[in-house]
């Protein structure tokens, strides 16, 4: 496989805020030492995938094994039930409606976990850095 073949695979990325450095840090799930950082989630994810490209390229040149994501058939169904206070549920419904998306899509795209290949329509609204205040709750 080539670098580009590997990059087509659904590598997972998690993004967390680093209080000490005051930046977002993205980490490739299958290759924890492959990270990226930035002032926004999007910038951190982009850097992580740039670094993933370089990491895979180096591994292939040195004939090292490149970890692959788990096949989708090995993954859970993708459905879970989550109980939250009614006020939180109401706030999420309002935020999703403001973005013109379903609650499921809103939550998935704002959960801080992004898979490569997920089509992000509007990083400014989908990958919020601060949560807007809901009114009337």
N, C-alpha and C. Protein backbone atom coordinates (compact mmCIF):
# COMPACT_ATOMS: atom_id res chain seq x y z
N UNK A 1 0.84 -1.18 0.00
CA UNK A 1 0.00 0.00 0.00
C UNK A 1 0.89 1.25 0.00
N UNK A 2 0.35 2.32 -0.56
CA UNK A 2 1.06 3.59 -0.61
C UNK A 2 0.60 4.48 0.55
N UNK A 3 1.29 5.60 0.74
CA UNK A 3 0.88 6.56 1.75
C UNK A 3 -0.56 7.00 1.51
N UNK A 4 -0.89 7.28 0.26
CA UNK A 4 -2.24 7.75 -0.06
C UNK A 4 -3.29 6.67 0.18
N UNK A 5 -2.93 5.40 -0.03
CA UNK A 5 -3.86 4.30 0.28
C UNK A 5 -4.16 4.28 1.78
N UNK A 6 -3.10 4.42 2.59
CA UNK A 6 -3.30 4.44 4.04
C UNK A 6 -4.15 5.63 4.47
N UNK A 7 -3.91 6.78 3.86
CA UNK A 7 -4.65 7.99 4.27
C UNK A 7 -6.13 7.94 3.90
N UNK A 8 -6.51 7.02 3.03
CA UNK A 8 -7.93 6.83 2.70
C UNK A 8 -8.65 6.02 3.77
N UNK A 9 -7.89 5.37 4.65
CA UNK A 9 -8.49 4.55 5.71
C UNK A 9 -9.06 5.45 6.81
N UNK A 10 -10.07 4.97 7.53
CA UNK A 10 -10.73 5.81 8.53
C UNK A 10 -10.00 5.88 9.87
N UNK A 11 -8.81 6.51 9.86
CA UNK A 11 -8.08 6.70 11.11
C UNK A 11 -8.90 7.60 12.04
N UNK A 12 -8.90 7.26 13.32
CA UNK A 12 -9.63 8.05 14.30
C UNK A 12 -8.74 9.15 14.87
N UNK A 13 -9.36 10.26 15.22
CA UNK A 13 -8.64 11.38 15.83
C UNK A 13 -9.46 11.90 16.99
N UNK A 14 -8.80 12.08 18.13
CA UNK A 14 -9.48 12.74 19.26
C UNK A 14 -8.82 14.09 19.46
N UNK A 15 -9.61 15.04 19.92
CA UNK A 15 -9.11 16.40 20.13
C UNK A 15 -9.42 16.82 21.56
N UNK A 16 -8.40 17.35 22.23
CA UNK A 16 -8.59 17.84 23.60
C UNK A 16 -7.92 19.19 23.74
N UNK A 17 -8.42 19.97 24.67
CA UNK A 17 -7.84 21.26 24.99
C UNK A 17 -6.72 21.04 26.01
N UNK A 18 -5.55 21.65 25.78
CA UNK A 18 -4.43 21.59 26.71
C UNK A 18 -4.39 22.90 27.48
N UNK A 19 -4.76 22.84 28.77
CA UNK A 19 -4.79 24.05 29.59
C UNK A 19 -3.40 24.67 29.77
N UNK A 20 -2.38 23.83 29.88
CA UNK A 20 -1.03 24.35 30.12
C UNK A 20 -0.53 25.17 28.93
N UNK A 21 -0.68 24.63 27.73
CA UNK A 21 -0.18 25.31 26.53
C UNK A 21 -1.24 26.18 25.86
N UNK A 22 -2.48 26.08 26.32
CA UNK A 22 -3.60 26.83 25.77
C UNK A 22 -3.76 26.62 24.26
N UNK A 23 -3.77 25.35 23.86
CA UNK A 23 -3.97 24.95 22.46
C UNK A 23 -4.80 23.68 22.42
N UNK A 24 -5.36 23.42 21.24
CA UNK A 24 -6.01 22.13 21.01
C UNK A 24 -4.95 21.13 20.56
N UNK A 25 -5.07 19.90 21.05
CA UNK A 25 -4.16 18.83 20.66
C UNK A 25 -4.98 17.70 20.06
N UNK A 26 -4.64 17.31 18.83
CA UNK A 26 -5.30 16.20 18.15
C UNK A 26 -4.35 15.01 18.16
N UNK A 27 -4.89 13.83 18.41
CA UNK A 27 -4.07 12.61 18.48
C UNK A 27 -4.72 11.54 17.61
N UNK A 28 -3.91 10.92 16.74
CA UNK A 28 -4.40 9.82 15.91
C UNK A 28 -4.52 8.58 16.79
N UNK A 29 -5.71 8.03 16.88
CA UNK A 29 -6.00 6.94 17.81
C UNK A 29 -5.10 5.73 17.61
N UNK A 30 -4.88 5.35 16.38
CA UNK A 30 -4.10 4.13 16.08
C UNK A 30 -2.60 4.35 16.22
N UNK A 31 -2.16 5.61 16.21
CA UNK A 31 -0.73 5.94 16.31
C UNK A 31 -0.63 7.09 17.32
N UNK A 32 -0.68 6.80 18.63
CA UNK A 32 -0.76 7.85 19.65
C UNK A 32 0.36 8.89 19.61
N UNK A 33 1.52 8.50 19.11
CA UNK A 33 2.61 9.47 19.03
C UNK A 33 2.45 10.44 17.86
N UNK A 34 1.45 10.21 17.03
CA UNK A 34 1.17 11.09 15.90
C UNK A 34 0.12 12.11 16.33
N UNK A 35 0.59 13.35 16.53
CA UNK A 35 -0.28 14.40 17.06
C UNK A 35 -0.21 15.66 16.20
N UNK A 36 -1.09 16.57 16.49
CA UNK A 36 -1.07 17.89 15.88
C UNK A 36 -1.64 18.86 16.90
N UNK A 37 -1.32 20.12 16.75
CA UNK A 37 -1.86 21.12 17.68
C UNK A 37 -2.21 22.39 16.92
N UNK A 38 -3.04 23.20 17.53
CA UNK A 38 -3.43 24.45 16.89
C UNK A 38 -4.33 25.28 17.78
N UNK A 39 -4.59 26.47 17.32
CA UNK A 39 -5.45 27.38 18.07
C UNK A 39 -6.93 27.02 17.90
N UNK A 40 -7.24 26.15 16.93
CA UNK A 40 -8.61 25.67 16.74
C UNK A 40 -8.57 24.15 16.60
N UNK A 41 -9.74 23.53 16.77
CA UNK A 41 -9.81 22.08 16.58
C UNK A 41 -9.44 21.71 15.15
N UNK A 42 -9.96 22.48 14.20
CA UNK A 42 -9.70 22.18 12.80
C UNK A 42 -8.20 22.24 12.50
N UNK A 43 -7.53 23.28 12.99
CA UNK A 43 -6.09 23.41 12.76
C UNK A 43 -5.33 22.24 13.37
N UNK A 44 -5.71 21.82 14.56
CA UNK A 44 -5.05 20.69 15.22
C UNK A 44 -5.25 19.40 14.43
N UNK A 45 -6.46 19.18 13.93
CA UNK A 45 -6.76 17.97 13.15
C UNK A 45 -5.98 17.99 11.84
N UNK A 46 -5.96 19.13 11.17
CA UNK A 46 -5.21 19.23 9.91
C UNK A 46 -3.73 18.93 10.14
N UNK A 47 -3.16 19.47 11.22
CA UNK A 47 -1.75 19.20 11.51
C UNK A 47 -1.52 17.73 11.83
N UNK A 48 -2.45 17.12 12.56
CA UNK A 48 -2.32 15.70 12.89
C UNK A 48 -2.29 14.86 11.62
N UNK A 49 -3.15 15.17 10.63
CA UNK A 49 -3.15 14.39 9.40
C UNK A 49 -1.95 14.70 8.51
N UNK A 50 -1.44 15.92 8.57
CA UNK A 50 -0.17 16.21 7.88
C UNK A 50 0.95 15.37 8.49
N UNK A 51 0.96 15.30 9.83
CA UNK A 51 1.98 14.49 10.51
C UNK A 51 1.77 13.01 10.28
N UNK A 52 0.51 12.57 10.16
CA UNK A 52 0.22 11.18 9.86
C UNK A 52 0.80 10.81 8.49
N UNK A 53 0.64 11.70 7.52
CA UNK A 53 1.22 11.48 6.19
C UNK A 53 2.72 11.24 6.31
N UNK A 54 3.40 12.14 7.02
CA UNK A 54 4.86 12.01 7.19
C UNK A 54 5.23 10.75 7.95
N UNK A 55 4.46 10.42 8.99
CA UNK A 55 4.73 9.24 9.81
C UNK A 55 4.64 7.97 8.95
N UNK A 56 3.57 7.87 8.17
CA UNK A 56 3.38 6.69 7.31
C UNK A 56 4.48 6.62 6.26
N UNK A 57 4.81 7.75 5.65
CA UNK A 57 5.87 7.79 4.64
C UNK A 57 7.19 7.28 5.23
N UNK A 58 7.55 7.75 6.43
CA UNK A 58 8.78 7.30 7.09
C UNK A 58 8.72 5.81 7.40
N UNK A 59 7.56 5.34 7.90
CA UNK A 59 7.41 3.92 8.24
C UNK A 59 7.57 3.04 7.00
N UNK A 60 6.98 3.45 5.89
CA UNK A 60 7.09 2.67 4.66
C UNK A 60 8.53 2.64 4.14
N UNK A 61 9.21 3.79 4.21
CA UNK A 61 10.61 3.84 3.76
C UNK A 61 11.51 2.95 4.60
N UNK A 62 11.24 2.88 5.90
CA UNK A 62 12.07 2.05 6.77
C UNK A 62 11.52 0.63 6.93
N UNK A 63 10.50 0.32 6.16
CA UNK A 63 9.87 -1.02 6.15
C UNK A 63 9.26 -1.40 7.50
N UNK A 64 8.82 -0.40 8.26
CA UNK A 64 8.12 -0.65 9.52
C UNK A 64 6.64 -0.89 9.25
N UNK A 65 5.99 -1.58 10.18
CA UNK A 65 4.57 -1.86 10.05
C UNK A 65 3.77 -0.58 10.30
N UNK A 66 2.76 -0.34 9.48
CA UNK A 66 1.88 0.81 9.64
C UNK A 66 0.55 0.30 10.22
N UNK A 67 0.19 0.74 11.42
CA UNK A 67 -1.09 0.30 12.00
C UNK A 67 -2.26 0.77 11.15
N UNK A 68 -3.25 -0.08 11.03
CA UNK A 68 -4.45 0.28 10.29
C UNK A 68 -5.62 0.38 11.26
N UNK A 69 -6.61 1.20 10.92
CA UNK A 69 -7.80 1.28 11.78
C UNK A 69 -8.54 -0.05 11.81
N UNK A 70 -9.30 -0.27 12.87
CA UNK A 70 -10.11 -1.48 12.95
C UNK A 70 -11.13 -1.48 11.83
N UNK A 71 -11.38 -2.64 11.23
CA UNK A 71 -12.43 -2.69 10.20
C UNK A 71 -13.77 -2.29 10.79
N UNK A 72 -14.60 -1.67 9.99
CA UNK A 72 -15.90 -1.20 10.48
C UNK A 72 -16.75 -2.33 11.04
N UNK A 73 -16.55 -3.56 10.55
CA UNK A 73 -17.33 -4.69 11.05
C UNK A 73 -16.97 -5.02 12.50
N UNK A 74 -15.77 -4.60 12.97
CA UNK A 74 -15.35 -4.86 14.35
C UNK A 74 -15.81 -3.78 15.31
N UNK A 75 -16.44 -2.74 14.79
CA UNK A 75 -16.85 -1.62 15.62
C UNK A 75 -18.25 -1.84 16.19
N UNK A 76 -18.56 -1.19 17.31
CA UNK A 76 -19.93 -1.28 17.84
C UNK A 76 -20.93 -0.68 16.86
N UNK A 77 -22.19 -0.83 17.14
CA UNK A 77 -23.26 -0.40 16.23
C UNK A 77 -23.29 1.11 15.99
N UNK A 78 -22.78 1.88 16.93
CA UNK A 78 -22.83 3.33 16.79
C UNK A 78 -24.03 3.96 17.48
N UNK A 79 -24.78 3.15 18.18
CA UNK A 79 -25.97 3.66 18.87
C UNK A 79 -25.81 3.44 20.37
N UNK A 80 -26.12 4.51 21.14
CA UNK A 80 -26.18 4.36 22.58
C UNK A 80 -27.24 5.30 23.13
N UNK A 81 -27.69 5.00 24.32
CA UNK A 81 -28.68 5.85 24.97
C UNK A 81 -27.94 6.63 26.06
N UNK A 82 -28.14 7.93 26.08
CA UNK A 82 -27.45 8.79 27.04
C UNK A 82 -28.48 9.59 27.80
N UNK A 83 -28.49 9.50 29.12
CA UNK A 83 -29.39 10.29 29.93
C UNK A 83 -28.69 11.58 30.35
N UNK A 84 -29.37 12.69 30.14
CA UNK A 84 -28.87 14.00 30.55
C UNK A 84 -30.01 14.77 31.20
N UNK A 85 -29.70 15.78 31.99
CA UNK A 85 -30.78 16.60 32.55
C UNK A 85 -31.62 17.20 31.43
N UNK A 86 -32.90 17.40 31.71
CA UNK A 86 -33.82 17.93 30.70
C UNK A 86 -33.36 19.28 30.18
N UNK A 87 -32.77 20.10 31.05
CA UNK A 87 -32.30 21.42 30.63
C UNK A 87 -31.16 21.31 29.61
N UNK A 88 -30.28 20.32 29.80
CA UNK A 88 -29.18 20.10 28.85
C UNK A 88 -29.75 19.63 27.52
N UNK A 89 -30.71 18.70 27.57
CA UNK A 89 -31.35 18.21 26.36
C UNK A 89 -31.98 19.36 25.59
N UNK A 90 -32.70 20.22 26.32
CA UNK A 90 -33.36 21.36 25.68
C UNK A 90 -32.34 22.29 25.03
N UNK A 91 -31.23 22.55 25.72
CA UNK A 91 -30.20 23.42 25.16
C UNK A 91 -29.60 22.81 23.89
N UNK A 92 -29.34 21.52 23.90
CA UNK A 92 -28.79 20.85 22.71
C UNK A 92 -29.77 20.91 21.54
N UNK A 93 -31.05 20.73 21.82
CA UNK A 93 -32.07 20.82 20.76
C UNK A 93 -32.06 22.21 20.13
N UNK A 94 -31.96 23.24 20.95
CA UNK A 94 -31.93 24.62 20.44
C UNK A 94 -30.67 24.86 19.60
N UNK A 95 -29.52 24.41 20.10
CA UNK A 95 -28.27 24.60 19.36
C UNK A 95 -28.30 23.87 18.01
N UNK A 96 -28.84 22.65 18.01
CA UNK A 96 -28.95 21.90 16.76
C UNK A 96 -29.88 22.61 15.79
N UNK A 97 -31.01 23.09 16.29
CA UNK A 97 -31.96 23.81 15.43
C UNK A 97 -31.33 25.07 14.87
N UNK A 98 -30.55 25.78 15.69
CA UNK A 98 -29.87 26.99 15.21
C UNK A 98 -28.90 26.68 14.07
N UNK A 99 -28.31 25.48 14.11
CA UNK A 99 -27.39 25.06 13.04
C UNK A 99 -28.12 24.39 11.88
N UNK A 100 -29.42 24.15 12.04
CA UNK A 100 -30.21 23.54 10.98
C UNK A 100 -29.89 22.06 10.78
N UNK A 101 -29.50 21.37 11.87
CA UNK A 101 -29.16 19.95 11.76
C UNK A 101 -29.93 19.17 12.83
N UNK A 102 -29.95 17.85 12.68
CA UNK A 102 -30.60 17.01 13.69
C UNK A 102 -29.76 17.01 14.97
N UNK A 103 -30.39 16.62 16.06
CA UNK A 103 -29.67 16.52 17.33
C UNK A 103 -28.56 15.48 17.23
N UNK A 104 -28.82 14.35 16.57
CA UNK A 104 -27.79 13.33 16.40
C UNK A 104 -26.58 13.88 15.67
N UNK A 105 -26.81 14.57 14.55
CA UNK A 105 -25.70 15.12 13.76
C UNK A 105 -24.98 16.19 14.56
N UNK A 106 -25.72 17.06 15.24
CA UNK A 106 -25.11 18.11 16.04
C UNK A 106 -24.19 17.51 17.10
N UNK A 107 -24.69 16.53 17.83
CA UNK A 107 -23.90 15.93 18.90
C UNK A 107 -22.67 15.23 18.35
N UNK A 108 -22.85 14.47 17.27
CA UNK A 108 -21.72 13.75 16.68
C UNK A 108 -20.62 14.71 16.25
N UNK A 109 -21.00 15.81 15.63
CA UNK A 109 -20.00 16.73 15.11
C UNK A 109 -19.44 17.66 16.17
N UNK A 110 -20.02 17.67 17.35
CA UNK A 110 -19.53 18.53 18.42
C UNK A 110 -18.97 17.73 19.59
N UNK A 111 -18.82 16.43 19.42
CA UNK A 111 -18.38 15.60 20.53
C UNK A 111 -16.88 15.62 20.74
N UNK A 112 -16.11 16.23 19.84
CA UNK A 112 -14.65 16.28 20.00
C UNK A 112 -13.95 15.09 19.38
N UNK A 113 -14.71 14.18 18.81
CA UNK A 113 -14.10 13.02 18.16
C UNK A 113 -14.46 13.09 16.68
N UNK A 114 -13.45 13.05 15.86
CA UNK A 114 -13.66 13.17 14.42
C UNK A 114 -12.94 12.03 13.73
N UNK A 115 -13.58 11.42 12.76
CA UNK A 115 -12.94 10.38 11.96
C UNK A 115 -12.54 10.98 10.63
N UNK A 116 -11.40 10.55 10.14
CA UNK A 116 -10.96 11.03 8.84
C UNK A 116 -12.03 10.68 7.82
N UNK A 117 -12.30 11.59 6.91
CA UNK A 117 -13.29 11.36 5.89
C UNK A 117 -14.65 11.93 6.24
N UNK A 118 -14.86 12.32 7.50
CA UNK A 118 -16.12 12.95 7.87
C UNK A 118 -16.21 14.28 7.15
N UNK A 119 -17.26 14.49 6.41
CA UNK A 119 -17.41 15.74 5.66
C UNK A 119 -17.91 16.82 6.61
N UNK A 120 -17.10 17.83 6.82
CA UNK A 120 -17.47 18.92 7.71
C UNK A 120 -17.88 20.09 6.84
N UNK A 121 -19.15 20.48 6.92
CA UNK A 121 -19.67 21.54 6.07
C UNK A 121 -19.18 22.91 6.52
N UNK A 122 -19.20 23.15 7.81
CA UNK A 122 -18.88 24.48 8.31
C UNK A 122 -18.08 24.37 9.60
N UNK A 123 -16.75 24.33 9.51
CA UNK A 123 -15.96 24.19 10.72
C UNK A 123 -16.28 25.25 11.76
N UNK A 124 -16.66 26.43 11.34
CA UNK A 124 -16.95 27.50 12.30
C UNK A 124 -18.15 27.15 13.16
N UNK A 125 -19.18 26.54 12.56
CA UNK A 125 -20.36 26.22 13.36
C UNK A 125 -20.32 24.80 13.91
N UNK A 126 -19.74 23.87 13.16
CA UNK A 126 -19.75 22.48 13.58
C UNK A 126 -18.74 22.21 14.68
N UNK A 127 -17.54 22.74 14.53
CA UNK A 127 -16.50 22.50 15.52
C UNK A 127 -16.34 23.73 16.40
N UNK A 128 -17.40 24.06 17.14
CA UNK A 128 -17.39 25.24 17.99
C UNK A 128 -16.26 25.18 19.00
N UNK A 129 -15.69 26.34 19.24
CA UNK A 129 -14.67 26.42 20.28
C UNK A 129 -15.28 26.90 21.58
N UNK A 130 -16.39 27.60 21.51
CA UNK A 130 -17.13 27.97 22.71
C UNK A 130 -18.59 27.67 22.45
N UNK A 131 -19.28 27.29 23.48
CA UNK A 131 -20.68 26.97 23.36
C UNK A 131 -21.50 28.24 23.52
N UNK A 132 -22.35 28.57 22.55
CA UNK A 132 -23.18 29.76 22.71
C UNK A 132 -24.17 29.57 23.85
N UNK A 133 -24.54 30.64 24.46
CA UNK A 133 -25.50 30.59 25.56
C UNK A 133 -26.90 30.42 24.98
N UNK A 134 -27.63 29.43 25.48
CA UNK A 134 -29.03 29.26 25.08
C UNK A 134 -29.87 30.19 25.91
N UNK A 135 -30.90 30.71 25.33
CA UNK A 135 -31.77 31.63 26.06
C UNK A 135 -33.13 30.98 26.27
N UNK A 136 -33.82 31.44 27.28
CA UNK A 136 -35.18 30.97 27.51
C UNK A 136 -35.27 29.63 28.18
N UNK A 137 -34.18 29.16 28.79
CA UNK A 137 -34.26 27.86 29.46
C UNK A 137 -34.41 28.04 30.95
